[in-house]
């Protein structure tokens, strides 16, 4: 089956995503704990999605390729390079070059949740989360990114995630 982005405002402008484009959808995990980032990447790759990880906000900003469709999973508790997760979220969320940001954190502080959404987070996940929760969040964020880019997604990856 096919997952299509249904946006009447740009329905005529939407262009199909080629197999190469679908395969190039990328989830970038940004977490200052390398073991956690690597573990999360392994889970996401098991869902059939390409991943990359970064432990440094500064390095991510220097090396990122925001033109690739997908999403970013950002540890809100990140503290490195004189920047925290919220600082990085504020830089990414309102810059249309970057894909949507899914925030994940070990804290259930209501103020952190509210601040993350006010800062533009596409979704908020508590560590640890189930694979089903993660899959649904990634699916929503990647679909949102495809819609924003005017892409019509024909990806079994998004379909599997949405069904999770």
C-alpha atoms as a PDB file:
ATOM      1  CA  UNK A   1       0.000   0.000   0.000  1.00  0.00           C
ATOM      2  CA  UNK A   2       0.951   3.631  -0.386  1.00  0.00           C
ATOM      3  CA  UNK A   3       0.997   6.442   2.143  1.00  0.00           C
ATOM      4  CA  UNK A   4       0.103   9.676   0.423  1.00  0.00           C
ATOM      5  CA  UNK A   5       0.276  13.151   1.826  1.00  0.00           C
ATOM      6  CA  UNK A   6      -3.134  14.676   1.286  1.00  0.00           C
ATOM      7  CA  UNK A   7      -2.824  18.436   1.203  1.00  0.00           C
ATOM      8  CA  UNK A   8      -5.331  20.053  -1.152  1.00  0.00           C
ATOM      9  CA  UNK A   9      -3.480  23.380  -1.006  1.00  0.00           C
ATOM     10  CA  UNK A  10      -0.466  21.952  -2.818  1.00  0.00           C
ATOM     11  CA  UNK A  11      -1.903  18.761  -4.314  1.00  0.00           C
ATOM     12  CA  UNK A  12      -0.934  19.794  -7.842  1.00  0.00           C
ATOM     13  CA  UNK A  13       2.564  20.747  -6.775  1.00  0.00           C
ATOM     14  CA  UNK A  14       3.281  17.498  -4.931  1.00  0.00           C
ATOM     15  CA  UNK A  15       5.817  15.335  -6.680  1.00  0.00           C
ATOM     16  CA  UNK A  16       6.254  11.625  -6.047  1.00  0.00           C
ATOM     17  CA  UNK A  17       9.183  10.542  -3.943  1.00  0.00           C
ATOM     18  CA  UNK A  18      11.387   8.197  -5.933  1.00  0.00           C
ATOM     19  CA  UNK A  19      12.639   4.960  -4.414  1.00  0.00           C
ATOM     20  CA  UNK A  20      15.975   6.704  -3.949  1.00  0.00           C
ATOM     21  CA  UNK A  21      14.301   9.607  -2.136  1.00  0.00           C
ATOM     22  CA  UNK A  22      12.263   7.255   0.077  1.00  0.00           C
ATOM     23  CA  UNK A  23      15.388   5.316   0.927  1.00  0.00           C
ATOM     24  CA  UNK A  24      17.150   8.563   1.747  1.00  0.00           C
ATOM     25  CA  UNK A  25      14.645   9.560   4.445  1.00  0.00           C
ATOM     26  CA  UNK A  26      16.832  10.046   7.461  1.00  0.00           C
ATOM     27  CA  UNK A  27      16.269  10.183  11.187  1.00  0.00           C
ATOM     28  CA  UNK A  28      19.022  12.072  12.947  1.00  0.00           C
ATOM     29  CA  UNK A  29      19.421  11.294  16.644  1.00  0.00           C
ATOM     30  CA  UNK A  30      21.068  14.001  18.725  1.00  0.00           C
ATOM     31  CA  UNK A  31      21.999  12.866  22.229  1.00  0.00           C
ATOM     32  CA  UNK A  32      25.097  13.646  24.288  1.00  0.00           C
ATOM     33  CA  UNK A  33      25.276  10.010  25.439  1.00  0.00           C
ATOM     34  CA  UNK A  34      26.839   8.052  22.557  1.00  0.00           C
ATOM     35  CA  UNK A  35      25.574   4.678  23.845  1.00  0.00           C
ATOM     36  CA  UNK A  36      21.993   5.961  24.039  1.00  0.00           C
ATOM     37  CA  UNK A  37      22.216   7.542  20.582  1.00  0.00           C
ATOM     38  CA  UNK A  38      23.638   4.349  19.077  1.00  0.00           C
ATOM     39  CA  UNK A  39      20.990   2.203  20.766  1.00  0.00           C
ATOM     40  CA  UNK A  40      18.148   4.409  19.531  1.00  0.00           C
ATOM     41  CA  UNK A  41      19.630   4.417  16.018  1.00  0.00           C
ATOM     42  CA  UNK A  42      19.702   0.612  16.050  1.00  0.00           C
ATOM     43  CA  UNK A  43      16.015   0.484  17.000  1.00  0.00           C
ATOM     44  CA  UNK A  44      15.100   2.967  14.257  1.00  0.00           C
ATOM     45  CA  UNK A  45      17.183   1.091  11.658  1.00  0.00           C
ATOM     46  CA  UNK A  46      15.303  -2.087  12.608  1.00  0.00           C
ATOM     47  CA  UNK A  47      12.192  -0.212  11.381  1.00  0.00           C
ATOM     48  CA  UNK A  48      13.818   0.168   7.962  1.00  0.00           C
ATOM     49  CA  UNK A  49      14.844   3.818   8.315  1.00  0.00           C
ATOM     50  CA  UNK A  50      18.304   5.245   7.721  1.00  0.00           C
ATOM     51  CA  UNK A  51      19.827   6.946  10.742  1.00  0.00           C
ATOM     52  CA  UNK A  52      22.718   9.079  11.762  1.00  0.00           C
ATOM     53  CA  UNK A  53      23.682  10.196  15.231  1.00  0.00           C
ATOM     54  CA  UNK A  54      25.449  13.160  16.674  1.00  0.00           C
ATOM     55  CA  UNK A  55      26.519  13.879  20.248  1.00  0.00           C
ATOM     56  CA  UNK A  56      27.469  17.511  19.729  1.00  0.00           C
ATOM     57  CA  UNK A  57      24.988  20.277  18.862  1.00  0.00           C
ATOM     58  CA  UNK A  58      27.773  22.371  17.368  1.00  0.00           C
ATOM     59  CA  UNK A  59      28.955  19.488  15.187  1.00  0.00           C
ATOM     60  CA  UNK A  60      25.397  18.798  14.072  1.00  0.00           C
ATOM     61  CA  UNK A  61      24.924  22.407  13.002  1.00  0.00           C
ATOM     62  CA  UNK A  62      28.203  22.287  11.058  1.00  0.00           C
ATOM     63  CA  UNK A  63      27.691  18.877   9.427  1.00  0.00           C
ATOM     64  CA  UNK A  64      23.936  18.556   8.999  1.00  0.00           C
ATOM     65  CA  UNK A  65      22.282  18.136   5.643  1.00  0.00           C
ATOM     66  CA  UNK A  66      18.842  19.626   6.252  1.00  0.00           C
ATOM     67  CA  UNK A  67      17.706  19.078   2.680  1.00  0.00           C
ATOM     68  CA  UNK A  68      17.215  15.346   3.344  1.00  0.00           C
ATOM     69  CA  UNK A  69      13.621  14.488   4.230  1.00  0.00           C
ATOM     70  CA  UNK A  70      12.986  12.847   7.585  1.00  0.00           C
ATOM     71  CA  UNK A  71      13.061  14.089  11.152  1.00  0.00           C
ATOM     72  CA  UNK A  72      15.335  14.773  14.096  1.00  0.00           C
ATOM     73  CA  UNK A  73      15.087  13.071  17.490  1.00  0.00           C
ATOM     74  CA  UNK A  74      16.582  15.432  20.063  1.00  0.00           C
ATOM     75  CA  UNK A  75      17.408  14.705  23.699  1.00  0.00           C
ATOM     76  CA  UNK A  76      15.993  17.672  25.588  1.00  0.00           C
ATOM     77  CA  UNK A  77      18.473  16.994  28.411  1.00  0.00           C
ATOM     78  CA  UNK A  78      21.420  17.481  26.062  1.00  0.00           C
ATOM     79  CA  UNK A  79      24.182  19.669  27.540  1.00  0.00           C
ATOM     80  CA  UNK A  80      27.275  20.195  25.427  1.00  0.00           C
ATOM     81  CA  UNK A  81      29.123  22.938  23.561  1.00  0.00           C
ATOM     82  CA  UNK A  82      27.557  25.584  25.815  1.00  0.00           C
ATOM     83  CA  UNK A  83      24.139  24.582  24.490  1.00  0.00           C
ATOM     84  CA  UNK A  84      21.277  22.528  25.878  1.00  0.00           C
ATOM     85  CA  UNK A  85      18.547  20.630  24.075  1.00  0.00           C
ATOM     86  CA  UNK A  86      16.102  23.516  24.278  1.00  0.00           C
ATOM     87  CA  UNK A  87      18.679  25.935  22.824  1.00  0.00           C
ATOM     88  CA  UNK A  88      19.215  23.608  19.870  1.00  0.00           C
ATOM     89  CA  UNK A  89      15.471  23.062  19.452  1.00  0.00           C
ATOM     90  CA  UNK A  90      14.972  26.823  19.261  1.00  0.00           C
ATOM     91  CA  UNK A  91      17.548  27.007  16.454  1.00  0.00           C
ATOM     92  CA  UNK A  92      16.108  24.094  14.466  1.00  0.00           C
ATOM     93  CA  UNK A  93      12.349  24.160  14.854  1.00  0.00           C
ATOM     94  CA  UNK A  94      11.654  27.459  13.130  1.00  0.00           C
ATOM     95  CA  UNK A  95      14.267  27.110  10.395  1.00  0.00           C
ATOM     96  CA  UNK A  96      12.474  25.617   7.389  1.00  0.00           C
ATOM     97  CA  UNK A  97      15.675  23.992   6.166  1.00  0.00           C
ATOM     98  CA  UNK A  98      15.501  21.427   8.984  1.00  0.00           C
ATOM     99  CA  UNK A  99      13.022  18.565   9.293  1.00  0.00           C
ATOM    100  CA  UNK A 100      10.611  18.382  12.246  1.00  0.00           C
ATOM    101  CA  UNK A 101      12.095  17.767  15.683  1.00  0.00           C
ATOM    102  CA  UNK A 102      10.795  15.039  17.980  1.00  0.00           C
ATOM    103  CA  UNK A 103      11.930  15.755  21.516  1.00  0.00           C
ATOM    104  CA  UNK A 104      12.640  12.897  23.874  1.00  0.00           C
ATOM    105  CA  UNK A 105      13.685  13.194  27.450  1.00  0.00           C
ATOM    106  CA  UNK A 106      13.863  11.384  30.747  1.00  0.00           C
ATOM    107  CA  UNK A 107      11.908  14.076  32.562  1.00  0.00           C
ATOM    108  CA  UNK A 108       8.132  14.296  32.742  1.00  0.00           C
ATOM    109  CA  UNK A 109       8.225  17.885  33.968  1.00  0.00           C
ATOM    110  CA  UNK A 110       5.127  19.590  32.549  1.00  0.00           C
ATOM    111  CA  UNK A 111       7.054  22.847  32.116  1.00  0.00           C
ATOM    112  CA  UNK A 112       9.602  21.068  29.911  1.00  0.00           C
ATOM    113  CA  UNK A 113       6.820  19.627  27.753  1.00  0.00           C
ATOM    114  CA  UNK A 114       5.120  23.006  27.380  1.00  0.00           C
ATOM    115  CA  UNK A 115       8.420  24.751  26.613  1.00  0.00           C
ATOM    116  CA  UNK A 116       9.337  22.133  24.010  1.00  0.00           C
ATOM    117  CA  UNK A 117       6.039  22.561  22.163  1.00  0.00           C
ATOM    118  CA  UNK A 118       6.256  26.355  22.394  1.00  0.00           C
ATOM    119  CA  UNK A 119       9.737  26.045  20.927  1.00  0.00           C
ATOM    120  CA  UNK A 120       8.396  24.146  17.938  1.00  0.00           C
ATOM    121  CA  UNK A 121       8.730  20.453  18.800  1.00  0.00           C
ATOM    122  CA  UNK A 122       6.714  18.202  16.497  1.00  0.00           C
ATOM    123  CA  UNK A 123       6.235  15.634  19.257  1.00  0.00           C
ATOM    124  CA  UNK A 124       7.421  14.763  22.760  1.00  0.00           C
ATOM    125  CA  UNK A 125       8.445  11.295  23.948  1.00  0.00           C
ATOM    126  CA  UNK A 126       9.451  10.173  27.429  1.00  0.00           C
ATOM    127  CA  UNK A 127      12.470   7.895  27.841  1.00  0.00           C
ATOM    128  CA  UNK A 128      12.033   5.036  27.719  1.00  0.00           C
ATOM    129  CA  UNK A 129       9.260   4.768  25.169  1.00  0.00           C
ATOM    130  CA  UNK A 130       7.858   1.765  23.382  1.00  0.00           C
ATOM    131  CA  UNK A 131       8.841   1.002  19.816  1.00  0.00           C
ATOM    132  CA  UNK A 132       5.196   1.552  18.827  1.00  0.00           C
ATOM    133  CA  UNK A 133       5.189   5.055  20.361  1.00  0.00           C
ATOM    134  CA  UNK A 134       8.491   5.834  18.666  1.00  0.00           C
ATOM    135  CA  UNK A 135       7.275   4.502  15.312  1.00  0.00           C
ATOM    136  CA  UNK A 136       4.079   6.565  15.401  1.00  0.00           C
ATOM    137  CA  UNK A 137       5.946   9.711  16.367  1.00  0.00           C
ATOM    138  CA  UNK A 138       8.521   9.228  13.603  1.00  0.00           C
ATOM    139  CA  UNK A 139       5.779   8.521  11.075  1.00  0.00           C
ATOM    140  CA  UNK A 140       3.920  11.725  11.951  1.00  0.00           C
ATOM    141  CA  UNK A 141       7.091  13.823  11.869  1.00  0.00           C
ATOM    142  CA  UNK A 142       8.355  12.370   8.573  1.00  0.00           C
ATOM    143  CA  UNK A 143       4.917  12.720   6.960  1.00  0.00           C
ATOM    144  CA  UNK A 144       4.802  16.329   8.132  1.00  0.00           C
ATOM    145  CA  UNK A 145       8.229  16.934   6.608  1.00  0.00           C
ATOM    146  CA  UNK A 146       7.193  15.343   3.298  1.00  0.00           C
ATOM    147  CA  UNK A 147       4.055  17.495   3.235  1.00  0.00           C
ATOM    148  CA  UNK A 148       6.055  20.642   3.964  1.00  0.00           C
ATOM    149  CA  UNK A 149       8.410  19.797   1.114  1.00  0.00           C
ATOM    150  CA  UNK A 150       5.509  19.118  -1.246  1.00  0.00           C
ATOM    151  CA  UNK A 151       6.365  15.431  -1.576  1.00  0.00           C
ATOM    152  CA  UNK A 152       3.886  12.640  -2.118  1.00  0.00           C
ATOM    153  CA  UNK A 153       5.265   9.794  -0.035  1.00  0.00           C
ATOM    154  CA  UNK A 154       5.183   6.341  -1.525  1.00  0.00           C
ATOM    155  CA  UNK A 155       7.066   4.613   1.207  1.00  0.00           C
ATOM    156  CA  UNK A 156       6.417   1.259   2.794  1.00  0.00           C
ATOM    157  CA  UNK A 157       8.549   2.501   5.684  1.00  0.00           C
ATOM    158  CA  UNK A 158       6.058   5.231   6.598  1.00  0.00           C
ATOM    159  CA  UNK A 159       3.187   2.801   6.141  1.00  0.00           C
ATOM    160  CA  UNK A 160       4.750   0.283   8.515  1.00  0.00           C
ATOM    161  CA  UNK A 161       5.434   3.019  11.056  1.00  0.00           C
ATOM    162  CA  UNK A 162       1.889   4.370  10.868  1.00  0.00           C
ATOM    163  CA  UNK A 163       0.495   0.866  11.421  1.00  0.00           C
ATOM    164  CA  UNK A 164       2.625   0.284  14.522  1.00  0.00           C
END
